[in-house]
Amino acid sequence: LLKRFDANNLLPNAYLLYYSYTAVHIEPLQSCADMLKRGFEIALSTGDIQIALINGAQYIQKSLLSGANLSVLKKECDYQMRLIETHFQSMTKMYVLALQETIAMLIAKEVPSNSTLSDQSKELEFSQAIIFNNVIQNFWLGRWERCLYYAERSSASSDIGQLKSIMIIFYGGLSCFRSSRKGASKKSKLPKQAIALMREKGQQSSWNYQSKI
């Protein structure tokens, strides 16, 4: 409809809302990432820098979770950070910084000496965005206890409409079984939550969620 009535300036907003929060439950993550990148490009072309960068951050997150090339995503983060600094867009800066650190860490397979996430103020320390990145980082570096620590302190269970909350529960549940903490898989609620959640989401999108349990 927006294209039909020549309302292209509204497309980035529509793409952001649909492909960030609704389509991830029913369409392949790769397709969602592609459309969010399109929203990023359209918003840039119309001069709406703020919406462009929000689309861009969501594009990076969905691409990361869909298994995109990490080196390509690193370059995308670097590009978006230059835009953020040029246009003073503090709203998305911390989110993109966190993703940038996560991607760099996964490439290097080690924790950097000066972590962006560890320097956050106390009120940001357990925000869902920061927890999401900490969970991803620690899981893929094999730091199961740290992954479980952050997953158990998130509010993901009450916010499973968002993809990052689903992933926090999923990776937290897996970490329980890898953790050396005695009885972790029995004491934590995350394994059962993860299994139930993946079964439910698998019925909505077999491409994204089936064969996860």
C-alpha atoms as a PDB file:
ATOM      1  CA  LEU A   1       0.000   0.000   0.000  1.00  0.00           C
ATOM      2  CA  LEU A   2       2.807   2.420   0.870  1.00  0.00           C
ATOM      3  CA  LYS A   3       4.444   1.821  -2.508  1.00  0.00           C
ATOM      4  CA  ARG A   4       1.105   2.104  -4.305  1.00  0.00           C
ATOM      5  CA  PHE A   5       0.377   5.516  -2.792  1.00  0.00           C
ATOM      6  CA  ASP A   6       3.951   6.747  -3.235  1.00  0.00           C
ATOM      7  CA  ALA A   7       4.657   6.897   0.494  1.00  0.00           C
ATOM      8  CA  ASN A   8       8.206   5.584   0.292  1.00  0.00           C
ATOM      9  CA  ASN A   9       9.291   7.838   3.146  1.00  0.00           C
ATOM     10  CA  LEU A  10       7.159   5.690   5.475  1.00  0.00           C
ATOM     11  CA  LEU A  11       8.585   2.370   4.276  1.00  0.00           C
ATOM     12  CA  PRO A  12      11.548   2.322   6.717  1.00  0.00           C
ATOM     13  CA  ASN A  13       9.176   2.691   9.674  1.00  0.00           C
ATOM     14  CA  ALA A  14       6.942  -0.086   8.360  1.00  0.00           C
ATOM     15  CA  TYR A  15       9.918  -2.362   7.668  1.00  0.00           C
ATOM     16  CA  LEU A  16      11.323  -1.679  11.134  1.00  0.00           C
ATOM     17  CA  LEU A  17       8.122  -2.556  12.973  1.00  0.00           C
ATOM     18  CA  TYR A  18       7.223  -5.603  10.897  1.00  0.00           C
ATOM     19  CA  TYR A  19      10.592  -7.236  10.210  1.00  0.00           C
ATOM     20  CA  SER A  20      12.043  -6.569  13.680  1.00  0.00           C
ATOM     21  CA  TYR A  21       9.149  -7.762  15.817  1.00  0.00           C
ATOM     22  CA  THR A  22       6.541  -9.710  13.815  1.00  0.00           C
ATOM     23  CA  ALA A  23       8.143 -11.340  10.787  1.00  0.00           C
ATOM     24  CA  VAL A  24      10.892 -12.991  12.877  1.00  0.00           C
ATOM     25  CA  HIS A  25       8.246 -15.403  14.182  1.00  0.00           C
ATOM     26  CA  ILE A  26       6.973 -16.484  10.770  1.00  0.00           C
ATOM     27  CA  GLU A  27       9.551 -15.631   8.075  1.00  0.00           C
ATOM     28  CA  PRO A  28      13.211 -16.703   7.665  1.00  0.00           C
ATOM     29  CA  LEU A  29      15.602 -14.493   9.624  1.00  0.00           C
ATOM     30  CA  GLN A  30      17.686 -14.009   6.475  1.00  0.00           C
ATOM     31  CA  SER A  31      14.675 -12.435   4.733  1.00  0.00           C
ATOM     32  CA  CYS A  32      13.988 -10.215   7.739  1.00  0.00           C
ATOM     33  CA  ALA A  33      17.608  -9.048   7.729  1.00  0.00           C
ATOM     34  CA  ASP A  34      17.449  -8.262   4.007  1.00  0.00           C
ATOM     35  CA  MET A  35      14.324  -6.135   4.427  1.00  0.00           C
ATOM     36  CA  LEU A  36      15.753  -4.286   7.423  1.00  0.00           C
ATOM     37  CA  LYS A  37      18.826  -3.470   5.345  1.00  0.00           C
ATOM     38  CA  ARG A  38      16.472  -2.169   2.673  1.00  0.00           C
ATOM     39  CA  GLY A  39      14.781   0.002   5.301  1.00  0.00           C
ATOM     40  CA  PHE A  40      18.213   1.281   6.331  1.00  0.00           C
ATOM     41  CA  GLU A  41      19.067   2.213   2.736  1.00  0.00           C
ATOM     42  CA  ILE A  42      15.720   3.904   2.004  1.00  0.00           C
ATOM     43  CA  ALA A  43      15.846   5.941   5.208  1.00  0.00           C
ATOM     44  CA  LEU A  44      19.386   7.093   4.395  1.00  0.00           C
ATOM     45  CA  SER A  45      18.290   8.159   0.930  1.00  0.00           C
ATOM     46  CA  THR A  46      15.427  10.237   2.383  1.00  0.00           C
ATOM     47  CA  GLY A  47      17.589  11.784   5.096  1.00  0.00           C
ATOM     48  CA  ASP A  48      15.938  10.087   8.062  1.00  0.00           C
ATOM     49  CA  ILE A  49      19.178   9.159   9.826  1.00  0.00           C
ATOM     50  CA  GLN A  50      17.616   8.069  13.127  1.00  0.00           C
ATOM     51  CA  ILE A  51      15.227   5.547  11.571  1.00  0.00           C
ATOM     52  CA  ALA A  52      17.981   4.446   9.192  1.00  0.00           C
ATOM     53  CA  LEU A  53      20.301   3.558  12.050  1.00  0.00           C
ATOM     54  CA  ILE A  54      17.613   1.758  14.046  1.00  0.00           C
ATOM     55  CA  ASN A  55      16.870  -0.337  10.951  1.00  0.00           C
ATOM     56  CA  GLY A  56      20.606  -0.834  10.543  1.00  0.00           C
ATOM     57  CA  ALA A  57      21.122  -2.077  14.093  1.00  0.00           C
ATOM     58  CA  GLN A  58      18.234  -4.520  13.727  1.00  0.00           C
ATOM     59  CA  TYR A  59      19.694  -5.674  10.400  1.00  0.00           C
ATOM     60  CA  ILE A  60      23.019  -6.477  12.079  1.00  0.00           C
ATOM     61  CA  GLN A  61      21.327  -8.342  14.942  1.00  0.00           C
ATOM     62  CA  LYS A  62      19.156 -10.479  12.654  1.00  0.00           C
ATOM     63  CA  SER A  63      22.108 -11.157  10.345  1.00  0.00           C
ATOM     64  CA  LEU A  64      24.232 -12.278  13.289  1.00  0.00           C
ATOM     65  CA  LEU A  65      21.559 -14.699  14.465  1.00  0.00           C
ATOM     66  CA  SER A  66      20.983 -16.045  10.956  1.00  0.00           C
ATOM     67  CA  GLY A  67      24.657 -16.976  10.543  1.00  0.00           C
ATOM     68  CA  ALA A  68      25.874 -14.212   8.238  1.00  0.00           C
ATOM     69  CA  ASN A  69      29.570 -13.779   7.540  1.00  0.00           C
ATOM     70  CA  LEU A  70      31.150 -12.156  10.596  1.00  0.00           C
ATOM     71  CA  SER A  71      33.751 -10.198   8.637  1.00  0.00           C
ATOM     72  CA  VAL A  72      31.007  -8.627   6.523  1.00  0.00           C
ATOM     73  CA  LEU A  73      29.043  -7.749   9.654  1.00  0.00           C
ATOM     74  CA  LYS A  74      32.142  -6.206  11.238  1.00  0.00           C
ATOM     75  CA  LYS A  75      32.499  -3.872   8.262  1.00  0.00           C
ATOM     76  CA  GLU A  76      28.796  -3.010   8.531  1.00  0.00           C
ATOM     77  CA  CYS A  77      29.208  -2.170  12.223  1.00  0.00           C
ATOM     78  CA  ASP A  78      32.204   0.016  11.465  1.00  0.00           C
ATOM     79  CA  TYR A  79      30.240   1.844   8.750  1.00  0.00           C
ATOM     80  CA  GLN A  80      27.254   2.416  10.997  1.00  0.00           C
ATOM     81  CA  MET A  81      29.453   3.633  13.844  1.00  0.00           C
ATOM     82  CA  ARG A  82      30.934   6.252  11.506  1.00  0.00           C
ATOM     83  CA  LEU A  83      27.423   7.396  10.648  1.00  0.00           C
ATOM     84  CA  ILE A  84      26.480   7.502  14.323  1.00  0.00           C
ATOM     85  CA  GLU A  85      29.514   9.622  15.189  1.00  0.00           C
ATOM     86  CA  THR A  86      28.991  11.940  12.216  1.00  0.00           C
ATOM     87  CA  HIS A  87      25.308  12.557  12.963  1.00  0.00           C
ATOM     88  CA  PHE A  88      25.511  12.394  16.789  1.00  0.00           C
ATOM     89  CA  GLN A  89      22.988   9.560  17.062  1.00  0.00           C
ATOM     90  CA  SER A  90      23.441   8.513  20.682  1.00  0.00           C
ATOM     91  CA  MET A  91      20.147   6.587  20.684  1.00  0.00           C
ATOM     92  CA  THR A  92      21.613   3.665  18.717  1.00  0.00           C
ATOM     93  CA  LYS A  93      25.281   4.084  19.631  1.00  0.00           C
ATOM     94  CA  MET A  94      25.382   1.729  22.622  1.00  0.00           C
ATOM     95  CA  TYR A  95      23.375  -0.953  20.839  1.00  0.00           C
ATOM     96  CA  VAL A  96      25.649  -0.953  17.779  1.00  0.00           C
ATOM     97  CA  LEU A  97      28.752  -0.789  19.998  1.00  0.00           C
ATOM     98  CA  ALA A  98      27.576  -3.908  21.820  1.00  0.00           C
ATOM     99  CA  LEU A  99      26.967  -5.760  18.552  1.00  0.00           C
ATOM    100  CA  GLN A 100      30.322  -4.564  17.221  1.00  0.00           C
ATOM    101  CA  GLU A 101      32.086  -5.976  20.279  1.00  0.00           C
ATOM    102  CA  THR A 102      30.195  -9.269  20.073  1.00  0.00           C
ATOM    103  CA  ILE A 103      31.111  -9.745  16.412  1.00  0.00           C
ATOM    104  CA  ALA A 104      34.776  -8.804  16.992  1.00  0.00           C
ATOM    105  CA  MET A 105      34.906 -11.216  19.928  1.00  0.00           C
ATOM    106  CA  LEU A 106      33.443 -14.076  17.902  1.00  0.00           C
ATOM    107  CA  ILE A 107      35.987 -13.450  15.146  1.00  0.00           C
ATOM    108  CA  ALA A 108      38.941 -13.304  17.575  1.00  0.00           C
ATOM    109  CA  LYS A 109      37.504 -16.071  19.797  1.00  0.00           C
ATOM    110  CA  GLU A 110      38.632 -14.232  22.917  1.00  0.00           C
ATOM    111  CA  VAL A 111      37.434 -11.554  25.318  1.00  0.00           C
ATOM    112  CA  PRO A 112      38.938  -8.112  24.585  1.00  0.00           C
ATOM    113  CA  SER A 113      40.964  -6.406  27.307  1.00  0.00           C
ATOM    114  CA  ASN A 114      38.749  -3.302  27.170  1.00  0.00           C
ATOM    115  CA  SER A 115      35.190  -4.583  26.970  1.00  0.00           C
ATOM    116  CA  THR A 116      32.460  -2.134  25.977  1.00  0.00           C
ATOM    117  CA  LEU A 117      29.845  -4.162  27.831  1.00  0.00           C
ATOM    118  CA  SER A 118      31.762  -4.443  31.086  1.00  0.00           C
ATOM    119  CA  ASP A 119      32.048  -0.650  31.243  1.00  0.00           C
ATOM    120  CA  GLN A 120      28.301   0.000  31.206  1.00  0.00           C
ATOM    121  CA  SER A 121      26.629   1.876  34.009  1.00  0.00           C
ATOM    122  CA  LYS A 122      24.647  -0.131  36.545  1.00  0.00           C
ATOM    123  CA  GLU A 123      21.284   0.859  35.086  1.00  0.00           C
ATOM    124  CA  LEU A 124      22.328  -0.524  31.676  1.00  0.00           C
ATOM    125  CA  GLU A 125      24.109  -3.611  32.973  1.00  0.00           C
ATOM    126  CA  PHE A 126      21.034  -5.817  32.878  1.00  0.00           C
ATOM    127  CA  SER A 127      19.095  -4.221  30.049  1.00  0.00           C
ATOM    128  CA  GLN A 128      17.886  -6.818  27.554  1.00  0.00           C
ATOM    129  CA  ALA A 129      20.163  -5.534  24.782  1.00  0.00           C
ATOM    130  CA  ILE A 130      23.278  -5.769  26.948  1.00  0.00           C
ATOM    131  CA  ILE A 131      22.251  -9.148  28.375  1.00  0.00           C
ATOM    132  CA  PHE A 132      21.588 -10.467  24.861  1.00  0.00           C
ATOM    133  CA  ASN A 133      25.133  -9.638  23.769  1.00  0.00           C
ATOM    134  CA  ASN A 134      26.658 -11.021  26.965  1.00  0.00           C
ATOM    135  CA  VAL A 135      24.726 -14.276  26.532  1.00  0.00           C
ATOM    136  CA  ILE A 136      25.816 -14.668  22.891  1.00  0.00           C
ATOM    137  CA  GLN A 137      29.435 -13.816  23.677  1.00  0.00           C
ATOM    138  CA  ASN A 138      29.798 -16.129  26.638  1.00  0.00           C
ATOM    139  CA  PHE A 139      27.981 -19.048  25.030  1.00  0.00           C
ATOM    140  CA  TRP A 140      30.140 -19.120  21.910  1.00  0.00           C
ATOM    141  CA  LEU A 141      33.326 -18.642  23.928  1.00  0.00           C
ATOM    142  CA  GLY A 142      32.397 -21.657  26.042  1.00  0.00           C
ATOM    143  CA  ARG A 143      31.910 -19.655  29.231  1.00  0.00           C
ATOM    144  CA  TRP A 144      28.775 -21.525  30.248  1.00  0.00           C
ATOM    145  CA  GLU A 145      28.517 -20.218  33.818  1.00  0.00           C
ATOM    146  CA  ARG A 146      28.743 -16.599  32.664  1.00  0.00           C
ATOM    147  CA  CYS A 147      26.159 -17.215  29.944  1.00  0.00           C
ATOM    148  CA  LEU A 148      23.822 -18.782  32.481  1.00  0.00           C
ATOM    149  CA  TYR A 149      24.483 -15.932  34.938  1.00  0.00           C
ATOM    150  CA  TYR A 150      23.220 -13.311  32.502  1.00  0.00           C
ATOM    151  CA  ALA A 151      20.358 -15.403  31.121  1.00  0.00           C
ATOM    152  CA  GLU A 152      18.948 -16.032  34.598  1.00  0.00           C
ATOM    153  CA  ARG A 153      19.016 -12.312  35.391  1.00  0.00           C
ATOM    154  CA  SER A 154      17.150 -11.223  32.305  1.00  0.00           C
ATOM    155  CA  SER A 155      13.457 -10.480  31.959  1.00  0.00           C
ATOM    156  CA  ALA A 156      13.295 -12.679  28.854  1.00  0.00           C
ATOM    157  CA  SER A 157      10.628 -14.992  30.267  1.00  0.00           C
ATOM    158  CA  SER A 158       8.138 -12.132  30.459  1.00  0.00           C
ATOM    159  CA  ASP A 159       9.032 -10.748  27.033  1.00  0.00           C
ATOM    160  CA  ILE A 160       9.157 -13.678  24.620  1.00  0.00           C
ATOM    161  CA  GLY A 161       7.662 -11.591  21.836  1.00  0.00           C
ATOM    162  CA  GLN A 162      11.122 -10.255  21.042  1.00  0.00           C
ATOM    163  CA  LEU A 163      13.731 -12.318  19.236  1.00  0.00           C
ATOM    164  CA  LYS A 164      16.532 -11.402  21.632  1.00  0.00           C
ATOM    165  CA  SER A 165      14.480 -12.697  24.561  1.00  0.00           C
ATOM    166  CA  ILE A 166      13.878 -15.991  22.757  1.00  0.00           C
ATOM    167  CA  MET A 167      17.602 -16.353  22.116  1.00  0.00           C
ATOM    168  CA  ILE A 168      18.497 -15.513  25.727  1.00  0.00           C
ATOM    169  CA  ILE A 169      16.251 -18.339  26.947  1.00  0.00           C
ATOM    170  CA  PHE A 170      17.525 -20.733  24.262  1.00  0.00           C
ATOM    171  CA  TYR A 171      21.233 -20.179  24.892  1.00  0.00           C
ATOM    172  CA  GLY A 172      20.693 -20.005  28.635  1.00  0.00           C
ATOM    173  CA  GLY A 173      18.962 -23.376  28.536  1.00  0.00           C
ATOM    174  CA  LEU A 174      21.804 -24.936  26.533  1.00  0.00           C
ATOM    175  CA  SER A 175      24.371 -23.491  28.947  1.00  0.00           C
ATOM    176  CA  CYS A 176      22.695 -25.294  31.846  1.00  0.00           C
ATOM    177  CA  PHE A 177      23.662 -28.632  30.342  1.00  0.00           C
ATOM    178  CA  ARG A 178      27.238 -27.530  29.683  1.00  0.00           C
ATOM    179  CA  SER A 179      27.740 -25.793  33.011  1.00  0.00           C
ATOM    180  CA  SER A 180      30.023 -27.331  35.624  1.00  0.00           C
ATOM    181  CA  ARG A 181      27.757 -25.932  38.321  1.00  0.00           C
ATOM    182  CA  LYS A 182      26.371 -28.939  40.150  1.00  0.00           C
ATOM    183  CA  GLY A 183      22.726 -29.602  39.326  1.00  0.00           C
ATOM    184  CA  ALA A 184      22.452 -26.498  37.122  1.00  0.00           C
ATOM    185  CA  SER A 185      20.152 -28.179  34.603  1.00  0.00           C
ATOM    186  CA  LYS A 186      17.797 -29.287  37.393  1.00  0.00           C
ATOM    187  CA  LYS A 187      17.810 -26.105  39.487  1.00  0.00           C
ATOM    188  CA  SER A 188      17.335 -23.612  36.659  1.00  0.00           C
ATOM    189  CA  LYS A 189      13.968 -23.081  34.946  1.00  0.00           C
ATOM    190  CA  LEU A 190      15.670 -22.239  31.664  1.00  0.00           C
ATOM    191  CA  PRO A 191      15.989 -25.750  30.140  1.00  0.00           C
ATOM    192  CA  LYS A 192      12.259 -26.472  30.409  1.00  0.00           C
ATOM    193  CA  GLN A 193      11.414 -22.942  29.256  1.00  0.00           C
ATOM    194  CA  ALA A 194      13.737 -23.288  26.265  1.00  0.00           C
ATOM    195  CA  ILE A 195      12.285 -26.644  25.215  1.00  0.00           C
ATOM    196  CA  ALA A 196       8.687 -25.436  25.508  1.00  0.00           C
ATOM    197  CA  LEU A 197       9.497 -22.190  23.708  1.00  0.00           C
ATOM    198  CA  MET A 198      11.307 -23.871  20.796  1.00  0.00           C
ATOM    199  CA  ARG A 199       8.425 -26.302  20.343  1.00  0.00           C
ATOM    200  CA  GLU A 200       5.946 -23.439  20.253  1.00  0.00           C
ATOM    201  CA  LYS A 201       8.035 -21.288  17.914  1.00  0.00           C
ATOM    202  CA  GLY A 202       8.836 -24.273  15.709  1.00  0.00           C
ATOM    203  CA  GLN A 203       5.158 -24.537  14.836  1.00  0.00           C
ATOM    204  CA  GLN A 204       5.155 -20.886  13.748  1.00  0.00           C
ATOM    205  CA  SER A 205       8.405 -20.971  11.772  1.00  0.00           C
ATOM    206  CA  SER A 206      10.053 -24.294  11.055  1.00  0.00           C
ATOM    207  CA  TRP A 207      12.859 -22.495   9.181  1.00  0.00           C
ATOM    208  CA  ASN A 208      13.945 -20.480  12.226  1.00  0.00           C
ATOM    209  CA  TYR A 209      13.151 -22.698  15.177  1.00  0.00           C
ATOM    210  CA  GLN A 210      12.722 -26.367  14.346  1.00  0.00           C
ATOM    211  CA  SER A 211      15.474 -28.909  15.156  1.00  0.00           C
ATOM    212  CA  LYS A 212      16.711 -26.743  18.039  1.00  0.00           C
ATOM    213  CA  ILE A 213      15.876 -29.276  20.763  1.00  0.00           C
END
